[in-house]
Amino acid sequence: GTLDARLIALDAATGEPCPDFGDGGAVDLK
């Protein structure tokens, strides 16, 4: 979770955003 209110999913092995999660790896919590 981020200061600018996003929820982000990353691949644990590479640190790359998971493209199937929200919009390109992030959900807008606002």
All heavy atoms as atom14 arrays in JSON, in Angstrom:
{
  "sequence": "GTLDARLIALDAATGEPCPDFGDGGAVDLK",
  "atom14_mask": [
    [1, 1, 1, 1, 0, 0, 0, 0, 0, 0, 0, 0, 0, 0],
    [1, 1, 1, 1, 1, 1, 1, 0, 0, 0, 0, 0, 0, 0],
    [1, 1, 1, 1, 1, 1, 1, 1, 0, 0, 0, 0, 0, 0],
    [1, 1, 1, 1, 1, 1, 1, 1, 0, 0, 0, 0, 0, 0],
    [1, 1, 1, 1, 1, 0, 0, 0, 0, 0, 0, 0, 0, 0],
    [1, 1, 1, 1, 1, 1, 1, 1, 1, 1, 1, 0, 0, 0],
    [1, 1, 1, 1, 1, 1, 1, 1, 0, 0, 0, 0, 0, 0],
    [1, 1, 1, 1, 1, 1, 1, 1, 0, 0, 0, 0, 0, 0],
    [1, 1, 1, 1, 1, 0, 0, 0, 0, 0, 0, 0, 0, 0],
    [1, 1, 1, 1, 1, 1, 1, 1, 0, 0, 0, 0, 0, 0],
    [1, 1, 1, 1, 1, 1, 1, 1, 0, 0, 0, 0, 0, 0],
    [1, 1, 1, 1, 1, 0, 0, 0, 0, 0, 0, 0, 0, 0],
    [1, 1, 1, 1, 1, 0, 0, 0, 0, 0, 0, 0, 0, 0],
    [1, 1, 1, 1, 1, 1, 1, 0, 0, 0, 0, 0, 0, 0],
    [1, 1, 1, 1, 0, 0, 0, 0, 0, 0, 0, 0, 0, 0],
    [1, 1, 1, 1, 1, 1, 1, 1, 1, 0, 0, 0, 0, 0],
    [1, 1, 1, 1, 1, 1, 1, 0, 0, 0, 0, 0, 0, 0],
    [1, 1, 1, 1, 1, 1, 0, 0, 0, 0, 0, 0, 0, 0],
    [1, 1, 1, 1, 1, 1, 1, 0, 0, 0, 0, 0, 0, 0],
    [1, 1, 1, 1, 1, 1, 1, 1, 0, 0, 0, 0, 0, 0],
    [1, 1, 1, 1, 1, 1, 1, 1, 1, 1, 1, 0, 0, 0],
    [1, 1, 1, 1, 0, 0, 0, 0, 0, 0, 0, 0, 0, 0],
    [1, 1, 1, 1, 1, 1, 1, 1, 0, 0, 0, 0, 0, 0],
    [1, 1, 1, 1, 0, 0, 0, 0, 0, 0, 0, 0, 0, 0],
    [1, 1, 1, 1, 0, 0, 0, 0, 0, 0, 0, 0, 0, 0],
    [1, 1, 1, 1, 1, 0, 0, 0, 0, 0, 0, 0, 0, 0],
    [1, 1, 1, 1, 1, 1, 1, 0, 0, 0, 0, 0, 0, 0],
    [1, 1, 1, 1, 1, 1, 1, 1, 0, 0, 0, 0, 0, 0],
    [1, 1, 1, 1, 1, 1, 1, 1, 0, 0, 0, 0, 0, 0],
    [1, 1, 1, 1, 1, 1, 1, 1, 1, 0, 0, 0, 0, 0]
  ],
  "atom14_positions": [
    [[0.85, -1.18, 0.0], [0.0, 0.0, 0.0], [0.88, 1.23, 0.0], [1.96, 1.24, 0.61], [0.0, 0.0, 0.0], [0.0, 0.0, 0.0], [0.0, 0.0, 0.0], [0.0, 0.0, 0.0], [0.0, 0.0, 0.0], [0.0, 0.0, 0.0], [0.0, 0.0, 0.0], [0.0, 0.0, 0.0], [0.0, 0.0, 0.0], [0.0, 0.0, 0.0]],
    [[0.46, 2.31, -0.68], [1.34, 3.46, -0.87], [0.78, 4.73, -0.24], [-0.41, 4.84, 0.05], [1.58, 3.73, -2.37], [0.35, 4.14, -2.97], [2.13, 2.5, -3.06], [0.0, 0.0, 0.0], [0.0, 0.0, 0.0], [0.0, 0.0, 0.0], [0.0, 0.0, 0.0], [0.0, 0.0, 0.0], [0.0, 0.0, 0.0], [0.0, 0.0, 0.0]],
    [[1.67, 5.72, -0.09], [1.28, 7.01, 0.44], [0.25, 7.7, -0.44], [-0.6, 8.44, 0.05], [2.52, 7.91, 0.59], [3.54, 7.5, 1.65], [4.79, 8.35, 1.54], [2.94, 7.59, 3.05], [0.0, 0.0, 0.0], [0.0, 0.0, 0.0], [0.0, 0.0, 0.0], [0.0, 0.0, 0.0], [0.0, 0.0, 0.0], [0.0, 0.0, 0.0]],
    [[0.34, 7.48, -1.76], [-0.63, 8.1, -2.66], [-1.82, 7.19, -2.94], [-2.48, 7.3, -3.96], [0.02, 8.57, -3.95], [0.78, 7.47, -4.68], [0.7, 6.3, -4.26], [1.45, 7.78, -5.68], [0.0, 0.0, 0.0], [0.0, 0.0, 0.0], [0.0, 0.0, 0.0], [0.0, 0.0, 0.0], [0.0, 0.0, 0.0], [0.0, 0.0, 0.0]],
    [[-2.09, 6.28, -2.0], [-3.31, 5.46, -1.98], [-3.46, 4.56, -3.19], [-4.47, 4.56, -3.88], [-4.55, 6.36, -1.82], [0.0, 0.0, 0.0], [0.0, 0.0, 0.0], [0.0, 0.0, 0.0], [0.0, 0.0, 0.0], [0.0, 0.0, 0.0], [0.0, 0.0, 0.0], [0.0, 0.0, 0.0], [0.0, 0.0, 0.0], [0.0, 0.0, 0.0]],
    [[-2.41, 3.76, -3.44], [-2.5, 2.68, -4.41], [-2.22, 1.36, -3.71], [-1.5, 1.31, -2.71], [-1.48, 2.87, -5.54], [-1.8, 3.97, -6.52], [-0.67, 4.15, -7.53], [0.48, 4.79, -6.94], [1.71, 4.77, -7.46], [1.95, 4.08, -8.57], [2.7, 5.42, -6.86], [0.0, 0.0, 0.0], [0.0, 0.0, 0.0], [0.0, 0.0, 0.0]],
    [[-2.81, 0.29, -4.22], [-2.5, -1.07, -3.79], [-1.79, -1.73, -4.96], [-2.34, -1.8, -6.06], [-3.79, -1.81, -3.43], [-3.64, -3.14, -2.67], [-3.01, -2.92, -1.31], [-5.0, -3.82, -2.52], [0.0, 0.0, 0.0], [0.0, 0.0, 0.0], [0.0, 0.0, 0.0], [0.0, 0.0, 0.0], [0.0, 0.0, 0.0], [0.0, 0.0, 0.0]],
    [[-0.56, -2.19, -4.73], [0.3, -2.66, -5.81], [0.68, -4.11, -5.56], [0.98, -4.51, -4.43], [1.56, -1.79, -5.92], [1.17, -0.35, -6.3], [2.56, -2.34, -6.92], [2.33, 0.63, -6.28], [0.0, 0.0, 0.0], [0.0, 0.0, 0.0], [0.0, 0.0, 0.0], [0.0, 0.0, 0.0], [0.0, 0.0, 0.0], [0.0, 0.0, 0.0]],
    [[0.68, -4.92, -6.63], [1.1, -6.32, -6.57], [2.36, -6.49, -7.42], [2.38, -6.13, -8.6], [-0.01, -7.24, -7.07], [0.0, 0.0, 0.0], [0.0, 0.0, 0.0], [0.0, 0.0, 0.0], [0.0, 0.0, 0.0], [0.0, 0.0, 0.0], [0.0, 0.0, 0.0], [0.0, 0.0, 0.0], [0.0, 0.0, 0.0], [0.0, 0.0, 0.0]],
    [[3.41, -7.07, -6.82], [4.69, -7.27, -7.49], [5.04, -8.75, -7.5], [4.73, -9.48, -6.54], [5.82, -6.51, -6.76], [5.62, -5.01, -6.54], [6.74, -4.48, -5.67], [5.56, -4.27, -7.87], [0.0, 0.0, 0.0], [0.0, 0.0, 0.0], [0.0, 0.0, 0.0], [0.0, 0.0, 0.0], [0.0, 0.0, 0.0], [0.0, 0.0, 0.0]],
    [[5.7, -9.19, -8.56], [6.23, -10.55, -8.59], [7.36, -10.65, -7.57], [8.31, -9.85, -7.6], [6.74, -10.89, -9.99], [7.39, -12.25, -10.05], [6.73, -13.24, -9.72], [8.6, -12.32, -10.4], [0.0, 0.0, 0.0], [0.0, 0.0, 0.0], [0.0, 0.0, 0.0], [0.0, 0.0, 0.0], [0.0, 0.0, 0.0], [0.0, 0.0, 0.0]],
    [[7.29, -11.62, -6.68], [8.26, -11.71, -5.59], [9.66, -12.02, -6.07], [10.65, -11.66, -5.42], [7.81, -12.77, -4.58], [0.0, 0.0, 0.0], [0.0, 0.0, 0.0], [0.0, 0.0, 0.0], [0.0, 0.0, 0.0], [0.0, 0.0, 0.0], [0.0, 0.0, 0.0], [0.0, 0.0, 0.0], [0.0, 0.0, 0.0], [0.0, 0.0, 0.0]],
    [[9.78, -12.68, -7.21], [11.11, -13.06, -7.71], [11.81, -11.95, -8.46], [13.04, -11.85, -8.45], [11.0, -14.29, -8.6], [0.0, 0.0, 0.0], [0.0, 0.0, 0.0], [0.0, 0.0, 0.0], [0.0, 0.0, 0.0], [0.0, 0.0, 0.0], [0.0, 0.0, 0.0], [0.0, 0.0, 0.0], [0.0, 0.0, 0.0], [0.0, 0.0, 0.0]],
    [[11.04, -11.07, -9.12], [11.64, -10.06, -10.0], [11.35, -8.63, -9.6], [12.05, -7.7, -10.04], [11.15, -10.26, -11.44], [9.72, -9.98, -11.49], [11.41, -11.67, -11.92], [0.0, 0.0, 0.0], [0.0, 0.0, 0.0], [0.0, 0.0, 0.0], [0.0, 0.0, 0.0], [0.0, 0.0, 0.0], [0.0, 0.0, 0.0], [0.0, 0.0, 0.0]],
    [[10.29, -8.4, -8.82], [9.89, -7.05, -8.48], [9.07, -6.36, -9.55], [8.74, -5.18, -9.43], [0.0, 0.0, 0.0], [0.0, 0.0, 0.0], [0.0, 0.0, 0.0], [0.0, 0.0, 0.0], [0.0, 0.0, 0.0], [0.0, 0.0, 0.0], [0.0, 0.0, 0.0], [0.0, 0.0, 0.0], [0.0, 0.0, 0.0], [0.0, 0.0, 0.0]],
    [[8.71, -7.08, -10.61], [7.91, -6.48, -11.68], [6.44, -6.47, -11.29], [5.94, -7.41, -10.67], [8.09, -7.28, -12.97], [9.51, -7.24, -13.53], [9.64, -8.06, -14.79], [8.61, -8.28, -15.46], [10.77, -8.51, -15.1], [0.0, 0.0, 0.0], [0.0, 0.0, 0.0], [0.0, 0.0, 0.0], [0.0, 0.0, 0.0], [0.0, 0.0, 0.0]],
    [[5.71, -5.4, -11.64], [4.27, -5.37, -11.35], [3.53, -6.51, -12.03], [3.87, -6.91, -13.15], [3.83, -4.01, -11.91], [5.07, -3.18, -11.93], [6.19, -4.14, -12.24], [0.0, 0.0, 0.0], [0.0, 0.0, 0.0], [0.0, 0.0, 0.0], [0.0, 0.0, 0.0], [0.0, 0.0, 0.0], [0.0, 0.0, 0.0], [0.0, 0.0, 0.0]],
    [[2.51, -7.04, -11.36], [1.69, -8.12, -11.91], [0.62, -7.5, -12.81], [-0.3, -6.83, -12.3], [1.05, -8.93, -10.79], [2.26, -9.72, -9.69], [0.0, 0.0, 0.0], [0.0, 0.0, 0.0], [0.0, 0.0, 0.0], [0.0, 0.0, 0.0], [0.0, 0.0, 0.0], [0.0, 0.0, 0.0], [0.0, 0.0, 0.0], [0.0, 0.0, 0.0]],
    [[0.69, -7.68, -14.12], [-0.19, -6.94, -15.03], [-1.67, -7.29, -14.91], [-2.52, -6.5, -15.32], [0.35, -7.32, -16.41], [1.06, -8.62, -16.21], [1.62, -8.57, -14.83], [0.0, 0.0, 0.0], [0.0, 0.0, 0.0], [0.0, 0.0, 0.0], [0.0, 0.0, 0.0], [0.0, 0.0, 0.0], [0.0, 0.0, 0.0], [0.0, 0.0, 0.0]],
    [[-1.99, -8.46, -14.32], [-3.4, -8.85, -14.19], [-4.04, -8.29, -12.94], [-5.23, -8.51, -12.7], [-3.53, -10.38, -14.22], [-2.67, -11.08, -13.17], [-1.87, -10.38, -12.5], [-2.79, -12.3, -13.01], [0.0, 0.0, 0.0], [0.0, 0.0, 0.0], [0.0, 0.0, 0.0], [0.0, 0.0, 0.0], [0.0, 0.0, 0.0], [0.0, 0.0, 0.0]],
    [[-3.29, -7.54, -12.13], [-3.82, -6.97, -10.9], [-4.18, -5.51, -11.15], [-3.31, -4.68, -11.43], [-2.78, -7.06, -9.78], [-3.26, -6.55, -8.45], [-4.02, -7.36, -7.62], [-2.96, -5.26, -8.02], [-4.46, -6.9, -6.37], [-3.39, -4.79, -6.79], [-4.15, -5.61, -5.97], [0.0, 0.0, 0.0], [0.0, 0.0, 0.0], [0.0, 0.0, 0.0]],
    [[-5.48, -5.2, -11.08], [-5.93, -3.82, -11.29], [-5.52, -3.31, -12.65], [-5.64, -4.0, -13.67], [0.0, 0.0, 0.0], [0.0, 0.0, 0.0], [0.0, 0.0, 0.0], [0.0, 0.0, 0.0], [0.0, 0.0, 0.0], [0.0, 0.0, 0.0], [0.0, 0.0, 0.0], [0.0, 0.0, 0.0], [0.0, 0.0, 0.0], [0.0, 0.0, 0.0]],
    [[-4.98, -2.1, -12.68], [-4.54, -1.47, -13.92], [-3.03, -1.55, -13.98], [-2.32, -0.73, -13.39], [-5.0, 0.0, -13.94], [-4.62, 0.71, -15.23], [-4.12, 0.04, -16.16], [-4.81, 1.93, -15.31], [0.0, 0.0, 0.0], [0.0, 0.0, 0.0], [0.0, 0.0, 0.0], [0.0, 0.0, 0.0], [0.0, 0.0, 0.0], [0.0, 0.0, 0.0]],
    [[-2.52, -2.58, -14.67], [-1.08, -2.74, -14.82], [-0.33, -3.0, -13.54], [0.84, -2.65, -13.42], [0.0, 0.0, 0.0], [0.0, 0.0, 0.0], [0.0, 0.0, 0.0], [0.0, 0.0, 0.0], [0.0, 0.0, 0.0], [0.0, 0.0, 0.0], [0.0, 0.0, 0.0], [0.0, 0.0, 0.0], [0.0, 0.0, 0.0], [0.0, 0.0, 0.0]],
    [[-1.0, -3.6, -12.56], [-0.35, -3.95, -11.32], [-0.77, -3.12, -10.13], [-0.28, -3.34, -9.02], [0.0, 0.0, 0.0], [0.0, 0.0, 0.0], [0.0, 0.0, 0.0], [0.0, 0.0, 0.0], [0.0, 0.0, 0.0], [0.0, 0.0, 0.0], [0.0, 0.0, 0.0], [0.0, 0.0, 0.0], [0.0, 0.0, 0.0], [0.0, 0.0, 0.0]],
    [[-1.68, -2.16, -10.32], [-2.07, -1.26, -9.22], [-3.57, -1.02, -9.21], [-4.22, -0.96, -10.26], [-1.33, 0.07, -9.32], [0.0, 0.0, 0.0], [0.0, 0.0, 0.0], [0.0, 0.0, 0.0], [0.0, 0.0, 0.0], [0.0, 0.0, 0.0], [0.0, 0.0, 0.0], [0.0, 0.0, 0.0], [0.0, 0.0, 0.0], [0.0, 0.0, 0.0]],
    [[-4.12, -0.86, -8.01], [-5.51, -0.47, -7.8], [-5.52, 0.91, -7.17], [-4.76, 1.18, -6.23], [-6.22, -1.48, -6.87], [-7.59, -0.95, -6.44], [-6.37, -2.83, -7.56], [0.0, 0.0, 0.0], [0.0, 0.0, 0.0], [0.0, 0.0, 0.0], [0.0, 0.0, 0.0], [0.0, 0.0, 0.0], [0.0, 0.0, 0.0], [0.0, 0.0, 0.0]],
    [[-6.37, 1.79, -7.66], [-6.5, 3.14, -7.12], [-7.46, 3.12, -5.93], [-8.67, 2.94, -6.1], [-7.01, 4.1, -8.21], [-7.11, 5.54, -7.72], [-6.66, 5.82, -6.58], [-7.61, 6.38, -8.48], [0.0, 0.0, 0.0], [0.0, 0.0, 0.0], [0.0, 0.0, 0.0], [0.0, 0.0, 0.0], [0.0, 0.0, 0.0], [0.0, 0.0, 0.0]],
    [[-6.92, 3.3, -4.72], [-7.74, 3.25, -3.51], [-8.53, 4.54, -3.29], [-9.37, 4.6, -2.38], [-6.86, 2.97, -2.29], [-6.14, 1.62, -2.29], [-5.21, 1.52, -1.1], [-7.13, 0.47, -2.3], [0.0, 0.0, 0.0], [0.0, 0.0, 0.0], [0.0, 0.0, 0.0], [0.0, 0.0, 0.0], [0.0, 0.0, 0.0], [0.0, 0.0, 0.0]],
    [[-8.3, 5.55, -4.11], [-9.07, 6.79, -3.98], [-10.46, 6.65, -4.59], [-11.31, 7.53, -4.41], [-8.32, 7.94, -4.66], [-6.96, 8.25, -4.01], [-6.29, 9.46, -4.63], [-5.88, 9.24, -6.07], [-4.83, 8.2, -6.2], [0.0, 0.0, 0.0], [0.0, 0.0, 0.0], [0.0, 0.0, 0.0], [0.0, 0.0, 0.0], [0.0, 0.0, 0.0]]
  ]
}
